[in-house]
Protein backbone atom coordinates (compact mmCIF):
# COMPACT_ATOMS: atom_id res chain seq x y z
CA MET A 1 121.22 -54.73 -24.12
CA ILE A 2 124.32 -55.73 -26.07
CA GLN A 3 126.02 -53.07 -28.10
CA VAL A 4 128.28 -54.07 -30.96
CA VAL A 5 130.86 -51.58 -32.16
CA LEU A 6 132.32 -52.17 -35.57
CA PRO A 7 135.59 -50.57 -36.58
CA VAL A 8 135.26 -47.86 -39.16
CA LEU A 9 137.33 -48.38 -42.26
CA LEU A 10 138.84 -45.25 -43.63
CA LEU A 11 139.18 -45.57 -47.34
CA THR A 12 141.18 -42.96 -49.12
CA TRP A 13 140.90 -42.73 -52.83
CA ALA A 14 143.95 -40.54 -53.22
CA PRO A 15 146.47 -41.78 -55.78
CA ILE A 16 149.11 -44.04 -54.35
CA THR A 17 152.54 -42.47 -54.43
CA MET A 18 155.94 -43.84 -53.63
CA SER A 19 158.07 -42.64 -50.79
CA HIS A 20 160.54 -39.89 -51.56
CA HIS A 21 163.47 -42.22 -50.93
CA ARG A 22 162.14 -44.83 -53.38
CA MET A 23 161.54 -42.16 -56.03
CA GLU A 24 165.15 -41.01 -55.66
CA ARG A 25 166.39 -44.60 -56.03
CA VAL A 26 164.26 -45.17 -59.15
CA SER A 27 165.45 -41.85 -60.63
CA GLU A 28 169.08 -42.80 -59.98
CA LEU A 29 168.54 -46.24 -61.54
CA VAL A 30 166.96 -44.70 -64.65
CA LYS A 31 169.81 -42.18 -64.88
CA ARG A 32 172.44 -44.91 -64.70
CA GLU A 33 170.74 -47.18 -67.24
CA VAL A 34 169.96 -44.40 -69.72
CA SER A 35 173.56 -43.24 -69.41
CA GLU A 36 174.79 -46.70 -70.39
CA ILE A 37 172.33 -46.89 -73.30
CA VAL A 38 173.42 -43.47 -74.56
CA GLN A 39 177.07 -44.54 -74.42
CA GLU A 40 176.20 -47.41 -76.75
CA LEU A 41 174.68 -45.03 -79.32
CA ASN A 42 176.81 -43.51 -82.04
CA LEU A 43 176.84 -39.84 -81.03
CA MET A 44 179.56 -38.64 -83.37
CA ASP A 45 179.59 -34.89 -84.04
CA CYS A 46 177.45 -34.28 -80.93
CA GLY A 47 180.13 -33.14 -78.52
CA PHE A 48 180.67 -34.85 -75.18
CA VAL A 49 177.26 -36.00 -73.90
CA THR A 50 176.69 -36.76 -70.21
CA ILE A 51 173.45 -37.75 -68.50
CA THR A 52 173.40 -35.56 -65.38
CA ALA A 53 170.08 -36.44 -63.74
CA ALA A 54 166.70 -38.08 -64.11
CA GLU A 55 163.42 -37.10 -62.49
CA ILE A 56 160.64 -39.67 -62.49
CA SER A 57 157.02 -38.81 -61.63
CA PRO A 58 155.48 -40.52 -58.57
CA ASP A 59 153.25 -42.68 -60.77
CA LEU A 60 156.32 -43.85 -62.79
CA LYS A 61 154.66 -42.89 -66.07
CA GLU A 62 156.70 -39.82 -67.00
CA GLY A 63 160.35 -38.96 -66.65
CA ARG A 64 162.75 -36.20 -67.58
CA VAL A 65 166.34 -37.03 -68.39
CA PHE A 66 168.76 -34.12 -68.12
CA LEU A 67 171.83 -34.11 -70.31
CA SER A 68 174.87 -31.92 -70.49
CA VAL A 69 176.73 -31.47 -73.75
CA ILE A 70 180.23 -30.05 -73.89
CA GLY A 71 180.45 -28.49 -77.32
CA SER A 72 178.94 -25.81 -79.49
CA ALA A 73 175.27 -24.81 -79.50
CA GLU A 74 174.90 -26.71 -82.77
CA GLN A 75 176.32 -29.88 -81.19
CA LYS A 76 173.91 -29.51 -78.26
CA GLN A 77 170.92 -29.31 -80.59
CA ARG A 78 172.25 -32.20 -82.67
CA ALA A 79 172.67 -34.37 -79.56
CA LEU A 80 169.14 -33.59 -78.43
CA ALA A 81 167.78 -34.37 -81.91
CA VAL A 82 169.63 -37.71 -82.05
CA LEU A 83 168.28 -38.71 -78.64
CA GLU A 84 164.75 -37.77 -79.68
CA ARG A 85 165.13 -39.85 -82.87
CA GLN A 86 166.47 -42.79 -80.84
CA HIS A 87 163.75 -42.39 -78.20
CA GLY A 88 162.00 -45.65 -79.08
CA HIS A 89 165.23 -47.64 -78.89
CA ILE A 90 166.21 -46.04 -75.57
CA GLN A 91 162.72 -46.66 -74.15
CA HIS A 92 162.79 -50.29 -75.30
CA GLU A 93 166.25 -50.94 -73.84
CA LEU A 94 165.28 -49.30 -70.55
CA ALA A 95 162.20 -51.53 -70.28
CA HIS A 96 164.40 -54.61 -70.68
CA ARG A 97 167.03 -53.45 -68.18
CA ILE A 98 164.87 -52.37 -65.26
CA VAL A 99 161.88 -54.09 -63.72
CA LEU A 100 159.15 -51.62 -62.79
CA LYS A 101 155.37 -51.67 -62.96
CA TYR A 102 155.57 -48.98 -65.64
CA THR A 103 158.49 -47.88 -67.75
CA PRO A 104 158.50 -44.09 -67.64
CA ARG A 105 158.03 -42.20 -70.91
CA LEU A 106 161.25 -40.24 -71.16
CA HIS A 107 161.67 -36.63 -72.22
CA PHE A 108 165.18 -35.31 -72.85
CA VAL A 109 166.11 -31.86 -71.55
CA LEU A 110 169.37 -29.94 -71.89
CA ASP A 111 170.87 -29.26 -68.46
CA GLU A 112 172.05 -25.65 -68.47
CA THR A 113 173.07 -25.64 -64.79
CA GLU A 114 176.78 -25.40 -65.51
CA ALA A 115 176.34 -22.55 -68.00
CA ARG A 116 174.14 -20.62 -65.53
CA ALA A 117 176.65 -21.17 -62.72
CA SER A 118 179.48 -19.94 -64.94
CA ARG A 119 177.47 -16.83 -65.87
CA ILE A 120 176.72 -16.06 -62.20
CA GLU A 121 180.40 -16.45 -61.30
CA HIS A 122 181.32 -14.10 -64.14
CA LEU A 123 178.79 -11.50 -62.95
CA LEU A 124 180.07 -11.77 -59.38
CA ASP A 125 183.64 -11.32 -60.58
CA GLU A 126 182.57 -8.19 -62.47
CA LEU A 127 180.89 -6.81 -59.36
CA LYS A 128 183.95 -7.57 -57.29
CA GLY A 129 186.11 -5.71 -59.83
CA ASP A 130 183.86 -2.62 -59.73
CA GLN A 131 184.12 -2.21 -55.93
CA PRO A 132 186.93 -0.02 -54.60
CA ASP A 133 189.52 -1.75 -52.44
CA GLU A 134 189.06 -1.19 -48.72
C-alpha cells in the first residue's frame, strides 16, 4: 500500500502588518515630508511651528502628526486651525512626495511633551526646596 502525505498549508487570515522597523521608517519619512510642506505654508501669527513626530498605523491608512508651537495658547490654536484648513493641500502634497500603497489620512495633534516636562521639573524643584538641608 502506498501512502501519500500532502503538506498542510496553514493559511492565516490575520491582517498583514509591517515590521516595527519599517513602520518607524515610514513614520520618519512622513514627519520629514510634512515638515517641509508646513514650512512652505504661510503660518504668520502662529508662533514657531515644528513637526516633532509622526505615528502611522500599521495599515498605513491613518496617521497622527505631532506639532510643537512656541508661542501663546492663542497662537497654538491658530496654528492647529490653519493646518486643519490646509489638510487637503498637505495630504495632496504628501501623496505626490512619497510612494506608498496608501497615503495615510493625517490628524494634527499638539505635542505638549515639553510643557509637561517643564511642569514636572518645576514641581521637583519645589519639592527640593521644601526639604531641609542634610
